[in-house]
């Protein structure tokens, strides 16, 4: 997540760990704020709560800075913190339901990039793309957490299967089997809309 000639995430985190460097921490937040917010919002199904969880993740990074081991990638450590916060929130919801996780705020940042053509579409095409994106979001929210997380990491955040395995602490083969099952379940959930 760094450009050529700039300080790496690991170097910034090393400065945060050893000197509580606010500038280094601010750099990490700037680089990672959007990806972590997207992950949390997609896992939870709520943009605003996703933003809150992303803030919690960065707070936890700072509080637990002494736990960071520079032998691994910073991104793996951060993804793991964020996904664990999402799992905790979803467990709280199951104990104390606060509403449907299918209620997702209309936010174009969730729309898969492939679903909207790069050329200026007509109003009916735009509406159809938005409706399709909403159907995909709803279907994604219906997946169990362990399937949803691999889909989000792979298809929305662009992580490789080996990176997902590292973040989730599971074998790469498990990531691949969960991905296959998740895509199968999504196809079933989306099939009725396709036949309409």
Protein backbone atom coordinates (compact mmCIF):
# COMPACT_ATOMS: atom_id res chain seq x y z
CA UNK A 1 0.00 0.00 0.00
CA UNK A 2 2.96 2.34 -0.37
CA UNK A 3 4.26 4.18 -3.35
CA UNK A 4 7.83 3.97 -4.60
CA UNK A 5 10.20 5.82 -2.30
CA UNK A 6 7.76 6.13 0.59
CA UNK A 7 7.90 4.45 3.96
CA UNK A 8 6.30 1.00 4.14
CA UNK A 9 3.41 0.08 6.43
CA UNK A 10 5.77 -2.06 8.45
CA UNK A 11 8.24 0.82 8.93
CA UNK A 12 5.43 3.15 9.99
CA UNK A 13 4.08 0.56 12.41
CA UNK A 14 7.56 0.03 13.81
CA UNK A 15 7.69 3.78 14.56
CA UNK A 16 4.24 3.60 16.15
CA UNK A 17 5.23 0.59 18.23
CA UNK A 18 8.52 1.98 19.51
CA UNK A 19 7.83 5.71 19.77
CA UNK A 20 4.02 6.07 19.60
CA UNK A 21 4.76 8.27 16.57
CA UNK A 22 1.54 10.17 15.74
CA UNK A 23 2.68 11.04 12.20
CA UNK A 24 3.42 7.41 11.37
CA UNK A 25 0.06 6.36 12.82
CA UNK A 26 -1.72 9.05 10.78
CA UNK A 27 -0.03 7.72 7.64
CA UNK A 28 -1.28 4.20 8.37
CA UNK A 29 -4.81 5.46 8.97
CA UNK A 30 -4.79 7.47 5.73
CA UNK A 31 -3.59 4.45 3.73
CA UNK A 32 -5.91 1.90 5.28
CA UNK A 33 -9.02 3.79 6.40
CA UNK A 34 -11.07 3.20 3.22
CA UNK A 35 -10.26 -0.52 2.78
CA UNK A 36 -11.02 -1.22 6.45
CA UNK A 37 -14.27 0.76 6.32
CA UNK A 38 -15.33 -1.17 3.19
CA UNK A 39 -14.54 -4.50 4.84
CA UNK A 40 -16.45 -3.66 8.02
CA UNK A 41 -19.44 -2.18 6.19
CA UNK A 42 -19.71 -5.20 3.90
CA UNK A 43 -19.41 -7.66 6.77
CA UNK A 44 -21.94 -5.82 8.94
CA UNK A 45 -24.23 -4.59 6.19
CA UNK A 46 -24.32 -1.02 7.48
CA UNK A 47 -22.08 1.79 6.23
CA UNK A 48 -22.21 3.90 9.39
CA UNK A 49 -21.56 1.01 11.71
CA UNK A 50 -18.76 -0.07 9.38
CA UNK A 51 -17.15 3.35 9.85
CA UNK A 52 -17.46 2.98 13.62
CA UNK A 53 -15.88 -0.47 13.53
CA UNK A 54 -13.04 0.84 11.35
CA UNK A 55 -12.36 3.52 13.96
CA UNK A 56 -12.40 0.82 16.63
CA UNK A 57 -9.91 -1.20 14.57
CA UNK A 58 -7.47 1.70 14.39
CA UNK A 59 -7.93 2.41 18.09
CA UNK A 60 -7.12 -1.21 18.79
CA UNK A 61 -4.03 -1.02 16.54
CA UNK A 62 -2.72 1.88 18.60
CA UNK A 63 -3.62 0.36 21.96
CA UNK A 64 -2.11 -3.00 20.99
CA UNK A 65 0.89 -1.50 19.17
CA UNK A 66 3.30 -3.32 21.49
CA UNK A 67 1.79 -6.66 20.35
CA UNK A 68 2.73 -6.00 16.72
CA UNK A 69 5.40 -8.37 15.44
CA UNK A 70 7.39 -6.88 12.55
CA UNK A 71 8.08 -10.35 11.13
CA UNK A 72 4.64 -10.32 9.47
CA UNK A 73 2.88 -7.91 7.20
CA UNK A 74 1.11 -5.00 8.86
CA UNK A 75 -1.85 -5.44 6.53
CA UNK A 76 -2.42 -9.01 7.73
CA UNK A 77 -2.43 -7.87 11.35
CA UNK A 78 -4.82 -4.99 10.58
CA UNK A 79 -7.21 -7.13 8.50
CA UNK A 80 -7.31 -9.68 11.33
CA UNK A 81 -8.14 -7.02 13.93
CA UNK A 82 -10.91 -5.60 11.75
CA UNK A 83 -12.46 -8.95 10.83
CA UNK A 84 -12.45 -10.02 14.48
CA UNK A 85 -14.30 -6.81 15.43
CA UNK A 86 -16.86 -7.61 12.73
CA UNK A 87 -17.31 -11.16 14.01
CA UNK A 88 -17.76 -9.82 17.56
CA UNK A 89 -20.40 -7.34 16.38
CA UNK A 90 -22.28 -10.02 14.44
CA UNK A 91 -22.25 -12.29 17.50
CA UNK A 92 -23.67 -9.41 19.59
CA UNK A 93 -26.42 -8.94 17.01
CA UNK A 94 -27.38 -12.60 17.19
CA UNK A 95 -27.67 -12.36 20.97
CA UNK A 96 -29.56 -9.07 20.80
CA UNK A 97 -31.08 -8.43 17.36
CA UNK A 98 -31.25 -4.73 16.52
CA UNK A 99 -32.76 -5.06 13.08
CA UNK A 100 -32.19 -6.84 9.84
CA UNK A 101 -28.65 -7.10 8.54
CA UNK A 102 -30.24 -6.99 5.11
CA UNK A 103 -31.01 -3.28 5.55
CA UNK A 104 -28.08 -1.65 3.79
CA UNK A 105 -27.77 2.06 3.25
CA UNK A 106 -27.73 3.06 -0.40
CA UNK A 107 -24.04 3.65 -0.97
CA UNK A 108 -22.37 3.33 -4.34
CA UNK A 109 -19.03 2.35 -2.79
CA UNK A 110 -20.50 -1.14 -2.35
CA UNK A 111 -21.37 -1.55 -6.00
CA UNK A 112 -19.07 -4.06 -7.64
CA UNK A 113 -16.94 -2.23 -10.17
CA UNK A 114 -17.87 -4.74 -12.85
CA UNK A 115 -21.59 -4.05 -12.45
CA UNK A 116 -21.49 -0.50 -13.78
CA UNK A 117 -20.20 0.16 -17.28
CA UNK A 118 -17.51 2.78 -17.71
CA UNK A 119 -19.47 4.58 -20.43
CA UNK A 120 -22.33 6.84 -19.39
CA UNK A 121 -25.28 4.45 -19.10
CA UNK A 122 -28.86 5.53 -19.63
CA UNK A 123 -31.17 6.01 -16.67
CA UNK A 124 -32.74 2.58 -17.08
CA UNK A 125 -29.32 0.90 -17.30
CA UNK A 126 -28.14 2.76 -14.20
CA UNK A 127 -31.24 1.75 -12.30
CA UNK A 128 -30.83 -1.89 -13.36
CA UNK A 129 -27.18 -1.85 -12.27
CA UNK A 130 -28.09 -0.35 -8.89
CA UNK A 131 -30.86 -2.91 -8.40
CA UNK A 132 -28.46 -5.74 -9.29
CA UNK A 133 -25.82 -4.38 -6.91
CA UNK A 134 -28.46 -4.23 -4.15
CA UNK A 135 -29.45 -7.85 -4.87
CA UNK A 136 -25.80 -8.91 -4.60
CA UNK A 137 -25.38 -6.96 -1.31
CA UNK A 138 -28.49 -8.59 0.14
CA UNK A 139 -27.38 -12.05 -0.96
CA UNK A 140 -23.92 -11.45 0.50
CA UNK A 141 -25.47 -10.53 3.85
CA UNK A 142 -27.38 -13.83 3.85
CA UNK A 143 -24.16 -15.85 3.69
CA UNK A 144 -22.72 -17.18 6.94
CA UNK A 145 -19.84 -15.01 8.21
CA UNK A 146 -17.08 -17.45 7.28
CA UNK A 147 -18.24 -17.52 3.65
CA UNK A 148 -18.94 -13.79 3.50
CA UNK A 149 -15.47 -12.88 4.74
CA UNK A 150 -13.62 -14.85 2.04
CA UNK A 151 -15.79 -13.35 -0.71
CA UNK A 152 -15.24 -9.81 0.57
CA UNK A 153 -11.50 -10.24 0.97
CA UNK A 154 -11.10 -11.84 -2.49
CA UNK A 155 -13.58 -10.06 -4.73
CA UNK A 156 -13.88 -6.65 -3.10
CA UNK A 157 -10.47 -6.16 -1.49
CA UNK A 158 -8.43 -8.15 -4.01
CA UNK A 159 -6.51 -10.33 -1.55
CA UNK A 160 -4.97 -13.56 -2.82
CA UNK A 161 -6.09 -16.86 -1.30
CA UNK A 162 -2.77 -17.18 0.54
CA UNK A 163 -3.25 -13.69 2.06
CA UNK A 164 -6.81 -14.50 3.11
CA UNK A 165 -5.56 -17.70 4.73
CA UNK A 166 -3.00 -15.71 6.69
CA UNK A 167 -5.51 -13.08 7.80
CA UNK A 168 -8.10 -15.64 8.89
CA UNK A 169 -5.58 -18.11 10.31
CA UNK A 170 -6.87 -21.01 8.24
CA UNK A 171 -5.27 -23.23 5.56
CA UNK A 172 -5.31 -21.96 1.98
CA UNK A 173 -7.29 -25.03 0.93
CA UNK A 174 -10.01 -24.06 3.40
CA UNK A 175 -10.14 -20.58 1.87
CA UNK A 176 -10.59 -22.10 -1.59
CA UNK A 177 -13.31 -24.51 -0.45
CA UNK A 178 -15.14 -21.74 1.41
CA UNK A 179 -14.92 -19.56 -1.69
CA UNK A 180 -16.36 -22.30 -3.89
CA UNK A 181 -19.21 -22.91 -1.45
CA UNK A 182 -19.85 -19.18 -1.03
CA UNK A 183 -20.09 -18.65 -4.79
CA UNK A 184 -22.41 -21.63 -5.10
CA UNK A 185 -24.66 -20.25 -2.37
CA UNK A 186 -24.62 -16.78 -3.92
CA UNK A 187 -25.64 -18.26 -7.28
CA UNK A 188 -28.61 -19.97 -5.61
CA UNK A 189 -29.59 -16.81 -3.74
CA UNK A 190 -29.41 -14.72 -6.90
CA UNK A 191 -31.08 -17.21 -9.23
CA UNK A 192 -34.72 -16.17 -8.56
CA UNK A 193 -33.86 -12.57 -9.49
CA UNK A 194 -32.20 -13.72 -12.72
CA UNK A 195 -35.33 -15.60 -13.82
CA UNK A 196 -37.61 -12.61 -13.32
